[in-house]
Structures are given as structure tokens and as C-alpha cells.
Amino acid sequence: MPDIQEGDGVGTYDPESLALTSVEDAVSEEEAKPTEGASFDERYSEPFNGLLYIGALTKEFEWLGHKFVIRTLTTNEMLIVPLVIKQWEGTIGHARAYGACMVALATESVDGESLPTPVETSSIGHAWATQRFNHVVSRWFPYTIDKVYSEYLELEAQAAETVEAMGNAFG
């Protein structure tokens, strides 16, 4: 594994700026070697790199002629979901609101266009997430939200499977 230098295009996901930032402390070649006798299944190498260097997995898929790009959520984004959907707590619409909010936060782009997000996200709490949620629930039909959510769940399953494989390989 080559040493990673600043500016190599490999970075970590920064949810505040919605951009990649350079990695300052790269893992040395010795630290990255698996324990004696352990092996890492090659099927996980691309997701592993995504989780290790970027912190998120992304996925592209097409649905009804539209190209979607989604990614796994950060802990902060997962904690924002209940705040955005609080008014549906305890109602029959709670599950629908939850799925729509997860989709709104996980969707990077549709046909190359990002979902609406205020320019400054750090000073306004979770208003940016509410804006994205409102955009999705007012413009997307339930079948589209369900499809994107099922793709998101598959991506999360892939992330969990990759983390488990990493644990097995590096013991």
C-alpha cells in the first residue's frame, strides 16, 4: 500500500462542507498489513477503501430513467432524522416520514443535480435537512422514495458486511 500524501485525491468525508478533505495521517504500510494467516476477501477492497479513506460508501443506480447517487450517512445525519420527523412520532405516518428523511439525507444527486441545501449549513442546526426532506416528500412519489430507500439499505448492508470482513481479516 503506497503512502498517501496530501493532495492525492484521497480524503475523508466532511458533512459540513459536503466535500472531501485531504488525509493528514495516512496508515503506514506496516500498520495496514493483516495479522499472520489472515486474509482480506478481494470483494471488499473497493468498499474497504471507501470506508477507510472517505468514511462513506456511495452507490449509483438508475430508476425510471433517472440516475441516482446515494451514500451512507454520518452519525450526525442519523441523529438529525428524528428531529426532522418529530411531528410524525407516534402517528401512522412515522415509518413513511423516517424512510423519506433517510432518502433525503442519503441522496447526493439525481441526474447530476444535488438536492436543495442552504449554502451555510453549520449555523442553522438541522434546517438544511428539513429543507431536503420537504423537497423529497413534496416532489417524489412514494414508489421512488421506497426504491431509493431499499437501495440505501443495500448500501448499509454492504458497509456492515465490509466492516465485518475487515474485523475477520485483521482480527
Protein backbone atom coordinates (compact mmCIF):
# COMPACT_ATOMS: atom_id res chain seq x y z
CA MET A 1 0.00 0.00 0.00
CA PRO A 2 1.66 3.27 -1.07
CA ASP A 3 1.94 6.14 1.35
CA ILE A 4 -0.83 8.66 0.87
CA GLN A 5 0.31 12.24 0.54
CA GLU A 6 -1.79 15.35 0.90
CA GLY A 7 -3.37 16.22 -2.44
CA ASP A 8 -3.54 12.62 -3.71
CA GLY A 9 -7.33 12.85 -4.05
CA VAL A 10 -7.96 10.54 -1.12
CA GLY A 11 -9.72 12.09 1.83
CA THR A 12 -12.35 11.97 4.49
CA TYR A 13 -15.97 12.95 4.17
CA ASP A 14 -16.80 16.28 5.76
CA PRO A 15 -20.59 16.60 6.13
CA GLU A 16 -20.36 20.29 6.98
CA SER A 17 -18.82 21.25 3.64
CA LEU A 18 -20.18 18.26 1.70
CA ALA A 19 -16.68 17.86 0.26
CA LEU A 20 -13.64 15.64 0.56
CA THR A 21 -10.70 16.93 2.59
CA SER A 22 -7.17 15.60 2.44
CA VAL A 23 -5.95 12.90 4.80
CA GLU A 24 -3.15 14.13 7.04
CA ASP A 25 -2.36 10.94 8.91
CA ALA A 26 -2.18 8.03 6.47
CA VAL A 27 -1.86 4.47 7.73
CA SER A 28 1.69 3.20 7.26
CA GLU A 29 2.32 0.09 5.18
CA GLU A 30 3.26 -1.92 8.29
CA GLU A 31 0.11 -0.90 10.18
CA ALA A 32 -2.08 -1.82 7.22
CA LYS A 33 -0.80 -5.42 6.94
CA PRO A 34 -3.23 -8.07 8.17
CA THR A 35 -2.24 -10.34 11.02
CA GLU A 36 -0.34 -13.51 10.15
CA GLY A 37 -2.59 -16.03 8.42
CA ALA A 38 -5.47 -13.58 7.96
CA SER A 39 -6.67 -12.68 4.51
CA PHE A 40 -8.97 -10.00 3.27
CA ASP A 41 -11.53 -11.04 0.69
CA GLU A 42 -10.89 -9.03 -2.50
CA ARG A 43 -14.66 -8.48 -2.95
CA TYR A 44 -14.43 -5.94 -0.13
CA SER A 45 -11.37 -4.00 -1.28
CA GLU A 46 -13.30 -1.18 -3.00
CA PRO A 47 -15.87 -0.76 -0.18
CA PHE A 48 -12.99 -1.07 2.32
CA ASN A 49 -11.16 1.82 0.65
CA GLY A 50 -14.36 3.86 0.66
CA LEU A 51 -14.91 3.28 4.37
CA LEU A 52 -11.25 3.73 5.34
CA TYR A 53 -10.38 6.84 3.37
CA ILE A 54 -13.67 8.59 2.70
CA GLY A 55 -15.81 7.27 5.55
CA ALA A 56 -18.81 6.69 3.34
CA LEU A 57 -19.86 4.26 0.66
CA THR A 58 -21.60 5.57 -2.42
CA LYS A 59 -23.79 3.86 -4.98
CA GLU A 60 -25.17 4.81 -8.38
CA PHE A 61 -28.31 3.28 -9.82
CA GLU A 62 -30.99 4.06 -12.34
CA TRP A 63 -34.71 4.19 -11.61
CA LEU A 64 -37.37 5.05 -14.16
CA GLY A 65 -34.83 6.67 -16.45
CA HIS A 66 -33.17 8.77 -13.74
CA LYS A 67 -29.65 8.34 -12.36
CA PHE A 68 -29.43 8.46 -8.55
CA VAL A 69 -26.26 8.73 -6.45
CA ILE A 70 -26.63 7.88 -2.76
CA ARG A 71 -24.20 7.45 0.13
CA THR A 72 -24.15 6.13 3.66
CA LEU A 73 -25.00 8.64 6.38
CA THR A 74 -22.80 10.06 9.10
CA THR A 75 -23.74 9.65 12.75
CA ASN A 76 -24.72 13.32 12.87
CA GLU A 77 -27.10 12.87 9.95
CA MET A 78 -28.64 9.79 11.55
CA LEU A 79 -29.21 11.81 14.73
CA ILE A 80 -30.86 14.60 12.75
CA VAL A 81 -33.51 12.27 11.28
CA PRO A 82 -35.64 12.05 14.47
CA LEU A 83 -35.51 15.84 14.85
CA VAL A 84 -36.77 16.38 11.31
CA ILE A 85 -39.61 13.86 11.62
CA LYS A 86 -40.60 14.65 15.23
CA GLN A 87 -44.11 15.80 14.27
CA TRP A 88 -44.91 12.31 12.92
CA GLU A 89 -43.74 10.49 16.05
CA GLY A 90 -46.49 8.19 17.33
CA THR A 91 -48.56 8.51 14.15
CA ILE A 92 -49.26 6.10 11.34
CA GLY A 93 -47.04 8.26 9.09
CA HIS A 94 -43.91 7.84 11.23
CA ALA A 95 -42.40 4.99 9.20
CA ARG A 96 -43.08 6.81 5.92
CA ALA A 97 -41.51 10.03 7.29
CA TYR A 98 -38.47 8.09 8.54
CA GLY A 99 -37.84 6.47 5.16
CA ALA A 100 -38.32 9.75 3.31
CA CYS A 101 -35.91 11.56 5.64
CA MET A 102 -33.26 8.85 5.28
CA VAL A 103 -33.63 9.12 1.49
CA ALA A 104 -33.43 12.92 1.57
CA LEU A 105 -30.19 12.86 3.54
CA ALA A 106 -28.60 9.95 1.67
CA THR A 107 -29.28 11.24 -1.83
CA GLU A 108 -26.26 13.01 -3.27
CA SER A 109 -27.75 13.73 -6.69
CA VAL A 110 -30.48 12.90 -9.17
CA ASP A 111 -29.48 13.20 -12.83
CA GLY A 112 -26.35 15.06 -11.71
CA GLU A 113 -28.26 17.68 -9.70
CA SER A 114 -27.90 17.89 -5.92
CA LEU A 115 -30.94 18.18 -3.70
CA PRO A 116 -31.51 21.70 -2.35
CA THR A 117 -29.24 22.56 0.57
CA PRO A 118 -28.72 26.01 2.12
CA VAL A 119 -25.29 27.48 1.44
CA GLU A 120 -24.34 27.74 5.12
CA THR A 121 -25.23 24.54 6.98
CA SER A 122 -23.22 24.91 10.20
CA SER A 123 -25.07 27.87 11.72
CA ILE A 124 -28.65 26.76 11.14
CA GLY A 125 -28.85 23.48 13.02
CA HIS A 126 -30.81 20.93 11.05
CA ALA A 127 -32.81 23.34 8.85
CA TRP A 128 -30.84 22.11 5.84
CA ALA A 129 -32.06 18.56 6.50
CA THR A 130 -35.64 19.77 6.89
CA GLN A 131 -35.37 21.58 3.56
CA ARG A 132 -34.13 18.43 1.81
CA PHE A 133 -36.83 16.34 3.50
CA ASN A 134 -39.56 18.80 2.42
CA HIS A 135 -38.23 18.72 -1.12
CA VAL A 136 -38.41 14.91 -1.26
CA VAL A 137 -41.85 14.50 0.35
CA SER A 138 -43.44 17.24 -1.74
CA ARG A 139 -41.99 16.23 -5.12
CA TRP A 140 -41.21 12.50 -5.11
CA PHE A 141 -43.83 9.77 -5.26
CA PRO A 142 -43.82 7.03 -2.59
CA TYR A 143 -42.60 4.40 -5.06
CA THR A 144 -39.48 6.42 -5.80
CA ILE A 145 -38.79 7.03 -2.12
CA ASP A 146 -39.26 3.30 -1.44
CA LYS A 147 -36.86 2.37 -4.26
CA VAL A 148 -34.15 4.78 -3.11
CA TYR A 149 -34.59 3.63 0.49
CA SER A 150 -34.22 -0.03 -0.50
CA GLU A 151 -31.02 0.85 -2.39
CA TYR A 152 -29.82 2.71 0.72
CA LEU A 153 -30.50 -0.35 2.90
CA GLU A 154 -28.47 -2.48 0.48
CA LEU A 155 -25.60 0.03 0.71
CA GLU A 156 -25.75 -0.04 4.53
CA ALA A 157 -25.71 -3.86 4.42
CA GLN A 158 -22.63 -3.72 2.19
CA ALA A 159 -20.94 -1.35 4.67
CA ALA A 160 -21.75 -3.68 7.58
CA GLU A 161 -20.52 -6.71 5.63
CA THR A 162 -17.28 -4.88 4.76
CA VAL A 163 -16.66 -3.86 8.38
CA GLU A 164 -17.27 -7.46 9.48
CA ALA A 165 -14.84 -8.75 6.84
CA MET A 166 -12.26 -6.19 7.99
CA GLY A 167 -12.63 -7.44 11.56
CA ASN A 168 -12.21 -11.05 10.47
CA ALA A 169 -9.13 -10.27 8.37
CA PHE A 170 -7.38 -8.00 10.83
CA GLY A 171 -8.53 -9.86 13.95
